[in-house]
């Protein structure tokens, strides 16, 4: 299982060979267990189904952290390449597949941020205005851009915690596992992030 099946909808760029294999573990009742087992046996249809379900969240995480559509495409592609290559190594264990997936995506994002050596915070990611020309939508868009910039300006670990728990919808336990920290440490990061955002966005509060 070397080459990823066709059907990748993102941007195709240079792929970096996977390094250290992350542990793919899974508790009883993981909703992705059946798909992973089928992918491990080389079933391309199962892989496409999993990718259809998970790609928007993985790409959204990468875009929010990297603030670069092309880099987000590359990260998402590499995440699913690793899923395809490593599915056969999956085994029941302590973490859900979704937590593993987020951890891999986060690590790839951090790797690219280290290479870039700075996080661009001035320009928000591309957004589509569902009602262009409407004044109230323009106002809402301006507020959303302020929130995006405020989140991007947070210290890295606070931003990662907030993205995992709030934007990705992970539980505290899942977000902490993905970040490799304790739940208490996660809650501390979230509290500091929310306090900083309240201070920066005070005028937006009703």
N, C-alpha and C. Protein backbone atom coordinates (compact mmCIF):
# COMPACT_ATOMS: atom_id res chain seq x y z
N UNK A 1 0.84 -1.20 0.00
CA UNK A 1 0.00 0.00 0.00
C UNK A 1 0.88 1.25 0.00
N UNK A 2 1.49 1.57 -1.13
CA UNK A 2 2.36 2.72 -1.19
C UNK A 2 1.67 3.92 -1.79
N UNK A 3 1.11 3.79 -2.99
CA UNK A 3 0.51 4.91 -3.69
C UNK A 3 -0.91 5.12 -3.20
N UNK A 4 -1.24 6.41 -2.94
CA UNK A 4 -2.59 6.72 -2.50
C UNK A 4 -3.55 6.59 -3.68
N UNK A 5 -4.76 6.08 -3.46
CA UNK A 5 -5.71 5.91 -4.56
C UNK A 5 -6.04 7.23 -5.22
N UNK A 6 -6.54 7.15 -6.44
CA UNK A 6 -6.97 8.36 -7.13
C UNK A 6 -8.22 8.90 -6.46
N UNK A 7 -8.54 10.16 -6.75
CA UNK A 7 -9.72 10.75 -6.15
C UNK A 7 -9.40 11.86 -5.19
N UNK A 8 -8.09 12.17 -4.99
CA UNK A 8 -7.71 13.28 -4.12
C UNK A 8 -8.17 14.57 -4.75
N UNK A 9 -8.97 15.36 -3.99
CA UNK A 9 -9.57 16.56 -4.56
C UNK A 9 -8.77 17.82 -4.27
N UNK A 10 -7.69 17.68 -3.51
CA UNK A 10 -6.93 18.87 -3.14
C UNK A 10 -5.82 19.16 -4.11
N UNK A 11 -4.93 20.04 -3.71
CA UNK A 11 -3.82 20.45 -4.54
C UNK A 11 -2.73 19.39 -4.45
N UNK A 12 -2.17 18.98 -5.57
CA UNK A 12 -1.10 17.99 -5.58
C UNK A 12 0.22 18.72 -5.58
N UNK A 13 1.01 18.49 -4.55
CA UNK A 13 2.32 19.11 -4.47
C UNK A 13 3.35 18.06 -4.16
N UNK A 14 4.57 18.50 -3.87
CA UNK A 14 5.61 17.54 -3.51
C UNK A 14 5.26 16.88 -2.19
N UNK A 15 5.36 15.58 -2.11
CA UNK A 15 5.01 14.85 -0.91
C UNK A 15 6.28 14.47 -0.18
N UNK A 16 6.31 14.77 1.14
CA UNK A 16 7.45 14.40 1.95
C UNK A 16 7.23 13.01 2.47
N UNK A 17 8.24 12.17 2.37
CA UNK A 17 8.12 10.80 2.83
C UNK A 17 7.81 10.76 4.31
N UNK A 18 6.86 9.93 4.70
CA UNK A 18 6.46 9.87 6.11
C UNK A 18 7.64 9.48 6.97
N UNK A 19 7.73 10.16 8.13
CA UNK A 19 8.83 9.86 9.03
C UNK A 19 8.41 8.83 10.06
N UNK A 20 8.61 9.17 11.33
CA UNK A 20 8.27 8.23 12.38
C UNK A 20 6.78 7.93 12.35
N UNK A 21 6.43 6.68 12.41
CA UNK A 21 5.02 6.28 12.36
C UNK A 21 4.35 6.57 13.69
N UNK A 22 3.25 7.33 13.62
CA UNK A 22 2.47 7.59 14.82
C UNK A 22 1.67 6.35 15.17
N UNK A 23 1.46 6.10 16.46
CA UNK A 23 0.68 4.94 16.88
C UNK A 23 -0.77 5.14 16.46
N UNK A 24 -1.32 4.21 15.70
CA UNK A 24 -2.72 4.25 15.33
C UNK A 24 -3.46 3.31 16.26
N UNK A 25 -4.08 3.88 17.26
CA UNK A 25 -4.78 3.06 18.24
C UNK A 25 -6.25 3.42 18.25
N UNK A 26 -7.06 2.51 18.79
CA UNK A 26 -8.50 2.68 18.64
C UNK A 26 -9.25 1.90 19.72
N UNK A 27 -10.08 2.58 20.52
CA UNK A 27 -10.86 1.87 21.52
C UNK A 27 -12.06 1.18 20.89
N UNK A 28 -12.67 0.28 21.65
CA UNK A 28 -13.87 -0.39 21.17
C UNK A 28 -14.93 0.66 20.86
N UNK A 29 -15.66 0.46 19.79
CA UNK A 29 -16.74 1.38 19.47
C UNK A 29 -16.34 2.55 18.61
N UNK A 30 -15.09 2.65 18.17
CA UNK A 30 -14.68 3.74 17.30
C UNK A 30 -15.47 3.64 15.99
N UNK A 31 -16.18 4.69 15.60
CA UNK A 31 -17.00 4.60 14.39
C UNK A 31 -16.21 4.41 13.11
N UNK A 32 -14.91 4.68 13.16
CA UNK A 32 -14.07 4.53 11.96
C UNK A 32 -13.39 3.17 11.87
N UNK A 33 -13.63 2.30 12.85
CA UNK A 33 -12.90 1.03 12.92
C UNK A 33 -13.10 0.18 11.68
N UNK A 34 -14.34 0.07 11.21
CA UNK A 34 -14.61 -0.80 10.06
C UNK A 34 -13.92 -0.27 8.80
N UNK A 35 -14.01 1.05 8.58
CA UNK A 35 -13.36 1.64 7.42
C UNK A 35 -11.85 1.44 7.47
N UNK A 36 -11.26 1.61 8.65
CA UNK A 36 -9.82 1.44 8.78
C UNK A 36 -9.40 0.01 8.48
N UNK A 37 -10.17 -0.94 8.97
CA UNK A 37 -9.85 -2.34 8.70
C UNK A 37 -9.90 -2.63 7.20
N UNK A 38 -10.90 -2.07 6.53
CA UNK A 38 -11.03 -2.28 5.09
C UNK A 38 -9.92 -1.58 4.32
N UNK A 39 -9.55 -0.37 4.79
CA UNK A 39 -8.43 0.34 4.15
C UNK A 39 -7.14 -0.45 4.34
N UNK A 40 -6.99 -1.03 5.53
CA UNK A 40 -5.80 -1.84 5.80
C UNK A 40 -5.67 -3.03 4.87
N UNK A 41 -6.80 -3.47 4.32
CA UNK A 41 -6.78 -4.58 3.37
C UNK A 41 -6.69 -4.08 1.93
N UNK A 42 -6.50 -2.75 1.78
CA UNK A 42 -6.30 -2.20 0.45
C UNK A 42 -7.55 -1.82 -0.29
N UNK A 43 -8.67 -1.64 0.42
CA UNK A 43 -9.94 -1.33 -0.25
C UNK A 43 -10.02 0.17 -0.53
N UNK A 44 -9.92 0.53 -1.79
CA UNK A 44 -9.89 1.95 -2.16
C UNK A 44 -11.22 2.64 -1.92
N UNK A 45 -12.34 1.93 -2.07
CA UNK A 45 -13.65 2.54 -1.85
C UNK A 45 -13.79 2.98 -0.40
N UNK A 46 -13.27 2.18 0.53
CA UNK A 46 -13.33 2.54 1.95
C UNK A 46 -12.48 3.78 2.21
N UNK A 47 -11.33 3.85 1.56
CA UNK A 47 -10.46 5.01 1.72
C UNK A 47 -11.16 6.27 1.22
N UNK A 48 -11.81 6.19 0.07
CA UNK A 48 -12.50 7.36 -0.47
C UNK A 48 -13.64 7.79 0.44
N UNK A 49 -14.33 6.82 1.04
CA UNK A 49 -15.41 7.14 1.98
C UNK A 49 -14.87 7.86 3.20
N UNK A 50 -13.78 7.34 3.76
CA UNK A 50 -13.17 7.97 4.94
C UNK A 50 -12.70 9.38 4.60
N UNK A 51 -12.07 9.54 3.46
CA UNK A 51 -11.57 10.85 3.07
C UNK A 51 -12.71 11.84 2.88
N UNK A 52 -13.82 11.39 2.31
CA UNK A 52 -14.97 12.27 2.11
C UNK A 52 -15.51 12.77 3.45
N UNK A 53 -15.46 11.91 4.47
CA UNK A 53 -15.96 12.28 5.79
C UNK A 53 -14.98 13.18 6.55
N UNK A 54 -13.69 12.94 6.41
CA UNK A 54 -12.70 13.59 7.26
C UNK A 54 -11.98 14.77 6.60
N UNK A 55 -11.94 14.80 5.27
CA UNK A 55 -11.14 15.83 4.60
C UNK A 55 -11.53 17.25 4.98
N UNK A 56 -12.83 17.61 5.02
CA UNK A 56 -13.15 19.01 5.34
C UNK A 56 -12.60 19.46 6.69
N UNK A 57 -12.66 18.58 7.70
CA UNK A 57 -12.17 18.95 9.03
C UNK A 57 -10.65 19.04 9.06
N UNK A 58 -9.97 18.12 8.40
CA UNK A 58 -8.51 18.16 8.37
C UNK A 58 -8.03 19.40 7.62
N UNK A 59 -8.65 19.67 6.48
CA UNK A 59 -8.26 20.84 5.70
C UNK A 59 -8.58 22.12 6.47
N UNK A 60 -9.72 22.15 7.15
CA UNK A 60 -10.08 23.33 7.93
C UNK A 60 -9.09 23.59 9.06
N UNK A 61 -8.65 22.53 9.72
CA UNK A 61 -7.65 22.68 10.77
C UNK A 61 -6.36 23.25 10.19
N UNK A 62 -5.89 22.68 9.10
CA UNK A 62 -4.64 23.15 8.50
C UNK A 62 -4.75 24.59 8.02
N UNK A 63 -5.89 24.95 7.43
CA UNK A 63 -6.07 26.31 6.95
C UNK A 63 -6.10 27.31 8.10
N UNK A 64 -6.74 26.92 9.18
CA UNK A 64 -6.83 27.85 10.32
C UNK A 64 -5.47 28.05 10.98
N UNK A 65 -4.64 27.02 11.02
CA UNK A 65 -3.32 27.14 11.64
C UNK A 65 -2.28 27.75 10.70
N UNK A 66 -2.34 27.38 9.43
CA UNK A 66 -1.31 27.83 8.49
C UNK A 66 -1.68 29.11 7.76
N UNK A 67 -3.00 29.35 7.61
CA UNK A 67 -3.49 30.56 6.94
C UNK A 67 -2.94 30.65 5.52
N UNK A 68 -2.86 29.52 4.87
CA UNK A 68 -2.34 29.45 3.51
C UNK A 68 -3.04 28.27 2.82
N UNK A 69 -3.83 28.55 1.80
CA UNK A 69 -4.63 27.50 1.17
C UNK A 69 -3.78 26.41 0.56
N UNK A 70 -2.68 26.80 -0.11
CA UNK A 70 -1.84 25.80 -0.76
C UNK A 70 -1.18 24.89 0.27
N UNK A 71 -0.66 25.48 1.36
CA UNK A 71 -0.04 24.66 2.40
C UNK A 71 -1.08 23.75 3.07
N UNK A 72 -2.29 24.28 3.26
CA UNK A 72 -3.35 23.46 3.86
C UNK A 72 -3.68 22.28 2.96
N UNK A 73 -3.72 22.50 1.64
CA UNK A 73 -3.94 21.40 0.71
C UNK A 73 -2.85 20.34 0.85
N UNK A 74 -1.60 20.79 0.93
CA UNK A 74 -0.48 19.86 1.02
C UNK A 74 -0.53 19.04 2.30
N UNK A 75 -0.86 19.71 3.42
CA UNK A 75 -0.96 19.01 4.70
C UNK A 75 -2.07 17.96 4.64
N UNK A 76 -3.24 18.36 4.15
CA UNK A 76 -4.36 17.42 4.08
C UNK A 76 -4.00 16.22 3.21
N UNK A 77 -3.33 16.46 2.09
CA UNK A 77 -2.94 15.36 1.22
C UNK A 77 -1.98 14.41 1.94
N UNK A 78 -1.02 14.97 2.67
CA UNK A 78 -0.05 14.10 3.34
C UNK A 78 -0.70 13.33 4.49
N UNK A 79 -1.66 13.96 5.18
CA UNK A 79 -2.37 13.25 6.24
C UNK A 79 -3.03 11.99 5.69
N UNK A 80 -3.73 12.12 4.57
CA UNK A 80 -4.45 10.96 4.04
C UNK A 80 -3.51 9.97 3.36
N UNK A 81 -2.37 10.44 2.90
CA UNK A 81 -1.36 9.51 2.41
C UNK A 81 -0.88 8.62 3.56
N UNK A 82 -0.70 9.23 4.73
CA UNK A 82 -0.27 8.44 5.90
C UNK A 82 -1.36 7.47 6.33
N UNK A 83 -2.61 7.92 6.26
CA UNK A 83 -3.71 7.01 6.60
C UNK A 83 -3.66 5.78 5.68
N UNK A 84 -3.51 6.02 4.39
CA UNK A 84 -3.49 4.91 3.43
C UNK A 84 -2.32 3.97 3.69
N UNK A 85 -1.16 4.54 4.00
CA UNK A 85 0.03 3.72 4.20
C UNK A 85 0.01 2.98 5.53
N UNK A 86 -0.62 3.58 6.55
CA UNK A 86 -0.48 3.04 7.90
C UNK A 86 -1.74 2.36 8.43
N UNK A 87 -2.80 2.32 7.65
CA UNK A 87 -4.06 1.74 8.14
C UNK A 87 -3.87 0.30 8.60
N UNK A 88 -3.01 -0.44 7.94
CA UNK A 88 -2.81 -1.84 8.32
C UNK A 88 -2.21 -1.96 9.72
N UNK A 89 -1.58 -0.87 10.23
CA UNK A 89 -0.97 -0.91 11.55
C UNK A 89 -1.96 -0.58 12.65
N UNK A 90 -3.17 -0.19 12.26
CA UNK A 90 -4.17 0.17 13.28
C UNK A 90 -4.50 -1.03 14.16
N UNK A 91 -4.68 -0.75 15.45
CA UNK A 91 -5.05 -1.80 16.39
C UNK A 91 -5.86 -1.17 17.51
N UNK A 92 -6.71 -1.96 18.18
CA UNK A 92 -7.45 -1.43 19.32
C UNK A 92 -6.50 -0.89 20.38
N UNK A 93 -6.87 0.21 21.01
CA UNK A 93 -5.99 0.81 22.01
C UNK A 93 -6.68 1.92 22.76
N UNK A 94 -5.92 2.96 23.09
CA UNK A 94 -6.41 3.98 24.01
C UNK A 94 -6.96 5.22 23.34
N UNK A 95 -6.70 5.44 22.06
CA UNK A 95 -7.12 6.68 21.41
C UNK A 95 -7.99 6.38 20.20
N UNK A 96 -8.92 7.28 19.94
CA UNK A 96 -9.76 7.14 18.77
C UNK A 96 -8.98 7.53 17.52
N UNK A 97 -9.41 6.98 16.38
CA UNK A 97 -8.76 7.32 15.12
C UNK A 97 -8.83 8.83 14.86
N UNK A 98 -9.96 9.45 15.16
CA UNK A 98 -10.11 10.88 14.91
C UNK A 98 -9.08 11.70 15.69
N UNK A 99 -8.76 11.25 16.91
CA UNK A 99 -7.73 11.93 17.70
C UNK A 99 -6.37 11.76 17.03
N UNK A 100 -6.06 10.55 16.59
CA UNK A 100 -4.80 10.31 15.87
C UNK A 100 -4.71 11.18 14.63
N UNK A 101 -5.82 11.27 13.89
CA UNK A 101 -5.84 12.05 12.66
C UNK A 101 -5.52 13.52 12.94
N UNK A 102 -6.14 14.07 13.98
CA UNK A 102 -5.88 15.47 14.33
C UNK A 102 -4.43 15.66 14.79
N UNK A 103 -3.90 14.68 15.52
CA UNK A 103 -2.52 14.80 15.99
C UNK A 103 -1.54 14.80 14.82
N UNK A 104 -1.78 13.95 13.83
CA UNK A 104 -0.92 13.93 12.65
C UNK A 104 -1.02 15.25 11.90
N UNK A 105 -2.24 15.74 11.70
CA UNK A 105 -2.43 17.00 10.99
C UNK A 105 -1.75 18.15 11.73
N UNK A 106 -1.90 18.17 13.05
CA UNK A 106 -1.26 19.23 13.85
C UNK A 106 0.25 19.17 13.72
N UNK A 107 0.82 17.98 13.82
CA UNK A 107 2.28 17.86 13.72
C UNK A 107 2.79 18.31 12.36
N UNK A 108 2.06 17.99 11.30
CA UNK A 108 2.47 18.43 9.97
C UNK A 108 2.37 19.95 9.84
N UNK A 109 1.33 20.53 10.44
CA UNK A 109 1.21 21.99 10.42
C UNK A 109 2.37 22.64 11.18
N UNK A 110 2.70 22.10 12.35
CA UNK A 110 3.80 22.67 13.13
C UNK A 110 5.12 22.55 12.38
N UNK A 111 5.29 21.44 11.66
CA UNK A 111 6.50 21.26 10.87
C UNK A 111 6.62 22.36 9.81
N UNK A 112 5.53 22.66 9.15
CA UNK A 112 5.57 23.69 8.12
C UNK A 112 5.73 25.09 8.72
N UNK A 113 5.16 25.30 9.89
CA UNK A 113 5.34 26.60 10.55
C UNK A 113 6.80 26.78 10.96
N UNK A 114 7.43 25.71 11.42
CA UNK A 114 8.84 25.81 11.78
C UNK A 114 9.68 26.14 10.55
N UNK A 115 9.33 25.54 9.41
CA UNK A 115 10.08 25.83 8.20
C UNK A 115 9.89 27.29 7.79
N UNK A 116 8.72 27.78 7.93
CA UNK A 116 8.43 29.15 7.51
C UNK A 116 8.97 30.17 8.50
N UNK A 117 9.09 29.74 9.78
CA UNK A 117 9.68 30.53 10.86
C UNK A 117 8.85 31.71 11.31
N UNK A 118 7.74 31.91 10.70
CA UNK A 118 6.85 32.96 11.18
C UNK A 118 5.44 32.64 10.72
N UNK A 119 4.48 33.11 11.49
CA UNK A 119 3.09 32.89 11.16
C UNK A 119 2.53 34.20 10.62
N UNK A 120 1.99 34.14 9.41
CA UNK A 120 1.41 35.35 8.83
C UNK A 120 0.06 35.61 9.51
N UNK A 121 -0.08 36.78 10.15
CA UNK A 121 -1.32 37.08 10.87
C UNK A 121 -2.07 38.26 10.27
N UNK A 122 -1.47 38.95 9.32
CA UNK A 122 -2.11 40.15 8.79
C UNK A 122 -3.27 39.83 7.87
N UNK A 123 -3.13 38.78 7.05
CA UNK A 123 -4.16 38.45 6.08
C UNK A 123 -4.92 37.20 6.51
N UNK A 124 -6.25 37.26 6.60
CA UNK A 124 -7.04 36.08 6.96
C UNK A 124 -7.11 35.11 5.81
N UNK A 125 -7.48 33.84 6.07
CA UNK A 125 -7.65 32.88 4.98
C UNK A 125 -8.79 33.30 4.07
N UNK A 126 -8.76 32.79 2.85
CA UNK A 126 -9.80 33.13 1.90
C UNK A 126 -11.16 32.74 2.45
N UNK A 127 -12.13 33.63 2.30
CA UNK A 127 -13.47 33.36 2.74
C UNK A 127 -14.44 33.70 1.61
N UNK A 128 -15.51 32.96 1.53
CA UNK A 128 -16.51 33.20 0.50
C UNK A 128 -17.69 33.92 1.12
N UNK A 129 -18.03 35.06 0.58
CA UNK A 129 -19.18 35.82 1.07
C UNK A 129 -20.44 35.26 0.43
N UNK A 130 -21.34 34.64 1.22
CA UNK A 130 -22.52 34.03 0.64
C UNK A 130 -23.51 35.04 0.06
N UNK A 131 -23.40 36.33 0.44
CA UNK A 131 -24.32 37.35 -0.06
C UNK A 131 -23.54 38.62 -0.36
N UNK A 132 -22.68 38.60 -1.36
CA UNK A 132 -21.85 39.76 -1.66
C UNK A 132 -22.70 40.98 -1.97
N UNK A 133 -22.26 42.13 -1.44
CA UNK A 133 -22.97 43.37 -1.69
C UNK A 133 -23.94 43.75 -0.60
N UNK A 134 -24.32 42.83 0.26
CA UNK A 134 -25.25 43.15 1.34
C UNK A 134 -24.49 43.78 2.49
N UNK A 135 -24.91 44.94 2.94
CA UNK A 135 -24.19 45.68 3.97
C UNK A 135 -24.04 44.88 5.26
N UNK A 136 -25.12 44.22 5.67
CA UNK A 136 -25.04 43.50 6.95
C UNK A 136 -24.08 42.32 6.84
N UNK A 137 -24.00 41.71 5.65
CA UNK A 137 -23.06 40.61 5.49
C UNK A 137 -21.63 41.13 5.46
N UNK A 138 -21.41 42.30 4.89
CA UNK A 138 -20.08 42.89 4.90
C UNK A 138 -19.64 43.19 6.32
N UNK A 139 -20.58 43.68 7.13
CA UNK A 139 -20.25 43.97 8.52
C UNK A 139 -19.91 42.69 9.27
N UNK A 140 -20.70 41.65 9.03
CA UNK A 140 -20.41 40.37 9.69
C UNK A 140 -19.07 39.82 9.22
N UNK A 141 -18.77 39.99 7.94
CA UNK A 141 -17.51 39.50 7.42
C UNK A 141 -16.34 40.23 8.06
N UNK A 142 -16.50 41.54 8.25
CA UNK A 142 -15.44 42.33 8.89
C UNK A 142 -15.21 41.86 10.32
N UNK A 143 -16.29 41.57 11.04
CA UNK A 143 -16.16 41.08 12.40
C UNK A 143 -15.49 39.71 12.41
N UNK A 144 -15.88 38.84 11.48
CA UNK A 144 -15.27 37.51 11.41
C UNK A 144 -13.78 37.61 11.14
N UNK A 145 -13.38 38.56 10.29
CA UNK A 145 -11.96 38.74 10.00
C UNK A 145 -11.21 39.23 11.23
N UNK A 146 -11.84 40.08 12.02
CA UNK A 146 -11.21 40.52 13.27
C UNK A 146 -10.99 39.36 14.21
N UNK A 147 -12.00 38.50 14.31
CA UNK A 147 -11.87 37.32 15.18
C UNK A 147 -10.76 36.42 14.66
N UNK A 148 -10.71 36.20 13.34
CA UNK A 148 -9.66 35.36 12.76
C UNK A 148 -8.28 35.93 13.08
N UNK A 149 -8.12 37.24 12.95
CA UNK A 149 -6.81 37.84 13.23
C UNK A 149 -6.47 37.74 14.72
N UNK A 150 -7.49 37.91 15.57
CA UNK A 150 -7.24 37.80 17.01
C UNK A 150 -6.82 36.39 17.39
N UNK A 151 -7.48 35.38 16.80
CA UNK A 151 -7.10 33.99 17.07
C UNK A 151 -5.69 33.72 16.56
N UNK A 152 -5.39 34.23 15.35
CA UNK A 152 -4.07 34.00 14.76
C UNK A 152 -2.96 34.65 15.59
N UNK A 153 -3.28 35.74 16.31
CA UNK A 153 -2.28 36.46 17.09
C UNK A 153 -2.02 35.83 18.46
N UNK A 154 -2.82 34.82 18.84
CA UNK A 154 -2.60 34.15 20.11
C UNK A 154 -1.26 33.41 20.10
N UNK A 155 -0.65 33.21 21.27
CA UNK A 155 0.52 32.34 21.33
C UNK A 155 0.19 30.97 20.74
N UNK A 156 1.18 30.33 20.13
CA UNK A 156 0.93 29.12 19.35
C UNK A 156 0.14 28.05 20.09
N UNK A 157 0.55 27.72 21.31
CA UNK A 157 -0.12 26.63 22.03
C UNK A 157 -1.55 27.00 22.39
N UNK A 158 -1.79 28.25 22.73
CA UNK A 158 -3.16 28.68 23.02
C UNK A 158 -4.03 28.58 21.77
N UNK A 159 -3.48 28.99 20.64
CA UNK A 159 -4.23 28.92 19.39
C UNK A 159 -4.53 27.47 19.02
N UNK A 160 -3.55 26.59 19.17
CA UNK A 160 -3.77 25.18 18.85
C UNK A 160 -4.86 24.58 19.73
N UNK A 161 -4.83 24.89 21.02
CA UNK A 161 -5.84 24.37 21.94
C UNK A 161 -7.23 24.86 21.56
N UNK A 162 -7.32 26.15 21.24
CA UNK A 162 -8.61 26.74 20.87
C UNK A 162 -9.14 26.13 19.58
N UNK A 163 -8.29 25.99 18.59
CA UNK A 163 -8.72 25.42 17.31
C UNK A 163 -9.20 23.99 17.49
N UNK A 164 -8.45 23.19 18.24
CA UNK A 164 -8.83 21.79 18.43
C UNK A 164 -10.17 21.67 19.16
N UNK A 165 -10.34 22.45 20.23
CA UNK A 165 -11.52 22.27 21.08
C UNK A 165 -12.75 23.01 20.55
N UNK A 166 -12.55 24.22 20.04
CA UNK A 166 -13.69 25.03 19.62
C UNK A 166 -14.03 24.81 18.15
N UNK A 167 -13.05 24.99 17.27
CA UNK A 167 -13.33 24.94 15.85
C UNK A 167 -13.42 23.51 15.32
N UNK A 168 -12.60 22.59 15.86
CA UNK A 168 -12.65 21.21 15.40
C UNK A 168 -13.67 20.37 16.16
N UNK A 169 -14.17 20.89 17.27
CA UNK A 169 -15.22 20.21 18.00
C UNK A 169 -14.78 19.00 18.80
N UNK A 170 -13.49 18.90 19.13
CA UNK A 170 -13.02 17.79 19.93
C UNK A 170 -13.37 18.02 21.40
N UNK A 171 -13.59 16.95 22.13
CA UNK A 171 -13.77 17.06 23.58
C UNK A 171 -12.45 17.46 24.21
N UNK A 172 -12.49 17.88 25.47
CA UNK A 172 -11.25 18.25 26.16
C UNK A 172 -10.26 17.08 26.18
N UNK A 173 -10.79 15.88 26.42
CA UNK A 173 -9.92 14.70 26.47
C UNK A 173 -9.28 14.45 25.11
N UNK A 174 -10.09 14.53 24.04
CA UNK A 174 -9.57 14.29 22.69
C UNK A 174 -8.58 15.37 22.28
N UNK A 175 -8.90 16.64 22.57
CA UNK A 175 -8.00 17.73 22.21
C UNK A 175 -6.68 17.63 22.96
N UNK A 176 -6.76 17.28 24.24
CA UNK A 176 -5.53 17.13 25.03
C UNK A 176 -4.67 16.00 24.47
N UNK A 177 -5.31 14.89 24.09
CA UNK A 177 -4.57 13.77 23.52
C UNK A 177 -3.90 14.17 22.21
N UNK A 178 -4.62 14.91 21.37
CA UNK A 178 -4.07 15.33 20.09
C UNK A 178 -2.88 16.27 20.28
N UNK A 179 -2.92 17.09 21.33
CA UNK A 179 -1.84 18.04 21.60
C UNK A 179 -0.72 17.43 22.44
N UNK A 180 -0.97 16.24 22.99
CA UNK A 180 0.04 15.59 23.82
C UNK A 180 0.22 16.23 25.18
N UNK A 181 -0.87 16.75 25.75
CA UNK A 181 -0.81 17.41 27.06
C UNK A 181 -1.93 16.86 27.93
N UNK A 182 -1.91 17.24 29.20
CA UNK A 182 -2.96 16.80 30.11
C UNK A 182 -4.21 17.66 29.89
N UNK A 183 -5.34 17.14 30.37
CA UNK A 183 -6.59 17.90 30.27
C UNK A 183 -6.47 19.20 31.06
N UNK A 184 -5.80 19.16 32.20
CA UNK A 184 -5.63 20.37 33.01
C UNK A 184 -4.81 21.42 32.26
N UNK A 185 -3.78 20.98 31.57
CA UNK A 185 -2.97 21.92 30.79
C UNK A 185 -3.78 22.50 29.65
N UNK A 186 -4.60 21.67 29.02
CA UNK A 186 -5.46 22.16 27.95
C UNK A 186 -6.41 23.22 28.48
N UNK A 187 -7.05 22.95 29.60
CA UNK A 187 -8.01 23.90 30.15
C UNK A 187 -7.34 25.21 30.51
N UNK A 188 -6.10 25.15 30.98
CA UNK A 188 -5.36 26.37 31.28
C UNK A 188 -5.09 27.17 30.01
N UNK A 189 -4.69 26.47 28.93
CA UNK A 189 -4.46 27.15 27.66
C UNK A 189 -5.74 27.78 27.13
N UNK A 190 -6.85 27.07 27.24
CA UNK A 190 -8.13 27.59 26.77
C UNK A 190 -8.55 28.83 27.56
N UNK A 191 -8.36 28.77 28.87
CA UNK A 191 -8.74 29.91 29.71
C UNK A 191 -7.94 31.15 29.33
N UNK A 192 -6.64 30.98 29.13
CA UNK A 192 -5.80 32.12 28.75
C UNK A 192 -6.16 32.64 27.36
N UNK A 193 -6.45 31.72 26.44
CA UNK A 193 -6.82 32.13 25.09
C UNK A 193 -8.12 32.93 25.10
N UNK A 194 -9.11 32.44 25.83
CA UNK A 194 -10.40 33.13 25.88
C UNK A 194 -10.28 34.49 26.57
N UNK A 195 -9.44 34.55 27.60
CA UNK A 195 -9.23 35.84 28.28
C UNK A 195 -8.60 36.85 27.32
N UNK A 196 -7.61 36.40 26.55
CA UNK A 196 -6.95 37.29 25.60
C UNK A 196 -7.92 37.74 24.51
N UNK A 197 -8.76 36.82 24.04
CA UNK A 197 -9.71 37.18 22.99
C UNK A 197 -10.76 38.16 23.52
N UNK A 198 -11.21 37.97 24.76
CA UNK A 198 -12.18 38.90 25.34
C UNK A 198 -11.60 40.31 25.40
N UNK A 199 -10.34 40.41 25.76
CA UNK A 199 -9.71 41.72 25.85
C UNK A 199 -9.58 42.37 24.48
N UNK A 200 -9.22 41.57 23.46
CA UNK A 200 -9.02 42.13 22.13
C UNK A 200 -10.33 42.45 21.42
N UNK A 201 -11.39 41.74 21.78
CA UNK A 201 -12.66 41.87 21.05
C UNK A 201 -13.77 42.42 21.94
N UNK A 202 -13.39 43.17 22.94
CA UNK A 202 -14.36 43.68 23.92
C UNK A 202 -15.47 44.46 23.23
N UNK A 203 -15.15 45.26 22.23
CA UNK A 203 -16.15 46.11 21.59
C UNK A 203 -17.16 45.33 20.75
N UNK A 204 -16.86 44.04 20.47
CA UNK A 204 -17.80 43.24 19.70
C UNK A 204 -18.85 42.55 20.57
N UNK A 205 -18.65 42.59 21.87
CA UNK A 205 -19.59 41.93 22.77
C UNK A 205 -20.88 42.73 22.85
N UNK A 206 -22.04 42.04 22.85
CA UNK A 206 -23.34 42.75 22.88
C UNK A 206 -23.55 43.46 24.21
